[in-house]
N, C-alpha and C. Protein backbone atom coordinates (compact mmCIF):
# COMPACT_ATOMS: atom_id res chain seq x y z
N UNK A 1 -6.03 2.72 -115.06
CA UNK A 1 -6.90 1.91 -114.19
C UNK A 1 -6.13 0.75 -113.58
N UNK A 2 -6.44 0.43 -112.35
CA UNK A 2 -5.77 -0.69 -111.69
C UNK A 2 -6.44 -1.99 -112.09
N UNK A 3 -5.64 -3.02 -112.22
CA UNK A 3 -6.18 -4.33 -112.57
C UNK A 3 -6.77 -4.99 -111.33
N UNK A 4 -7.55 -6.04 -111.57
CA UNK A 4 -8.18 -6.76 -110.46
C UNK A 4 -7.12 -7.34 -109.53
N UNK A 5 -6.04 -7.86 -110.11
CA UNK A 5 -4.96 -8.45 -109.29
C UNK A 5 -4.34 -7.39 -108.39
N UNK A 6 -4.11 -6.21 -108.94
CA UNK A 6 -3.53 -5.12 -108.14
C UNK A 6 -4.47 -4.73 -107.00
N UNK A 7 -5.78 -4.72 -107.28
CA UNK A 7 -6.75 -4.42 -106.24
C UNK A 7 -6.66 -5.44 -105.11
N UNK A 8 -6.54 -6.72 -105.49
CA UNK A 8 -6.45 -7.78 -104.48
C UNK A 8 -5.21 -7.60 -103.62
N UNK A 9 -4.09 -7.31 -104.24
CA UNK A 9 -2.84 -7.12 -103.50
C UNK A 9 -2.98 -5.96 -102.53
N UNK A 10 -3.58 -4.87 -103.00
CA UNK A 10 -3.76 -3.70 -102.14
C UNK A 10 -4.64 -4.05 -100.94
N UNK A 11 -5.69 -4.82 -101.18
CA UNK A 11 -6.58 -5.22 -100.09
C UNK A 11 -5.84 -6.08 -99.08
N UNK A 12 -5.01 -7.01 -99.58
CA UNK A 12 -4.25 -7.88 -98.68
C UNK A 12 -3.28 -7.06 -97.84
N UNK A 13 -2.61 -6.09 -98.47
CA UNK A 13 -1.67 -5.26 -97.73
C UNK A 13 -2.39 -4.45 -96.67
N UNK A 14 -3.57 -3.92 -97.03
CA UNK A 14 -4.35 -3.14 -96.06
C UNK A 14 -4.73 -4.00 -94.87
N UNK A 15 -5.26 -5.20 -95.13
CA UNK A 15 -5.69 -6.04 -94.03
C UNK A 15 -4.51 -6.50 -93.19
N UNK A 16 -3.35 -6.70 -93.83
CA UNK A 16 -2.15 -7.07 -93.08
C UNK A 16 -1.76 -5.93 -92.14
N UNK A 17 -1.81 -4.70 -92.65
CA UNK A 17 -1.48 -3.54 -91.81
C UNK A 17 -2.47 -3.42 -90.65
N UNK A 18 -3.75 -3.61 -90.95
CA UNK A 18 -4.77 -3.53 -89.91
C UNK A 18 -4.51 -4.57 -88.83
N UNK A 19 -4.14 -5.79 -89.26
CA UNK A 19 -3.85 -6.85 -88.29
C UNK A 19 -2.66 -6.48 -87.42
N UNK A 20 -1.61 -5.93 -88.03
CA UNK A 20 -0.42 -5.55 -87.28
C UNK A 20 -0.77 -4.49 -86.24
N UNK A 21 -1.53 -3.49 -86.66
CA UNK A 21 -1.93 -2.42 -85.73
C UNK A 21 -2.79 -2.99 -84.60
N UNK A 22 -3.73 -3.85 -84.94
CA UNK A 22 -4.60 -4.45 -83.93
C UNK A 22 -3.78 -5.28 -82.95
N UNK A 23 -2.82 -6.04 -83.45
CA UNK A 23 -1.96 -6.84 -82.58
C UNK A 23 -1.15 -5.94 -81.66
N UNK A 24 -0.62 -4.86 -82.19
CA UNK A 24 0.19 -3.94 -81.38
C UNK A 24 -0.66 -3.34 -80.26
N UNK A 25 -1.89 -2.96 -80.58
CA UNK A 25 -2.78 -2.39 -79.57
C UNK A 25 -3.08 -3.43 -78.49
N UNK A 26 -3.34 -4.67 -78.92
CA UNK A 26 -3.64 -5.74 -77.96
C UNK A 26 -2.46 -5.97 -77.04
N UNK A 27 -1.27 -6.00 -77.60
CA UNK A 27 -0.07 -6.22 -76.80
C UNK A 27 0.10 -5.09 -75.79
N UNK A 28 -0.12 -3.85 -76.23
CA UNK A 28 0.02 -2.71 -75.32
C UNK A 28 -0.97 -2.81 -74.16
N UNK A 29 -2.20 -3.23 -74.47
CA UNK A 29 -3.20 -3.36 -73.41
C UNK A 29 -2.79 -4.42 -72.41
N UNK A 30 -2.25 -5.54 -72.90
CA UNK A 30 -1.82 -6.62 -72.00
C UNK A 30 -0.67 -6.14 -71.11
N UNK A 31 0.24 -5.37 -71.68
CA UNK A 31 1.38 -4.88 -70.91
C UNK A 31 0.90 -3.94 -69.80
N UNK A 32 -0.11 -3.13 -70.10
CA UNK A 32 -0.59 -2.16 -69.11
C UNK A 32 -1.28 -2.83 -67.93
N UNK A 33 -1.89 -3.99 -68.14
CA UNK A 33 -2.64 -4.65 -67.07
C UNK A 33 -1.75 -5.14 -65.94
């Protein structure tokens, strides 16, 4: 079983990845305009 701390780290990594992807998409849209 994963500990609570490990769960938190996994959530932080996921949200960091989501932010990176969202930023990349935003940048691509700006470049296309």
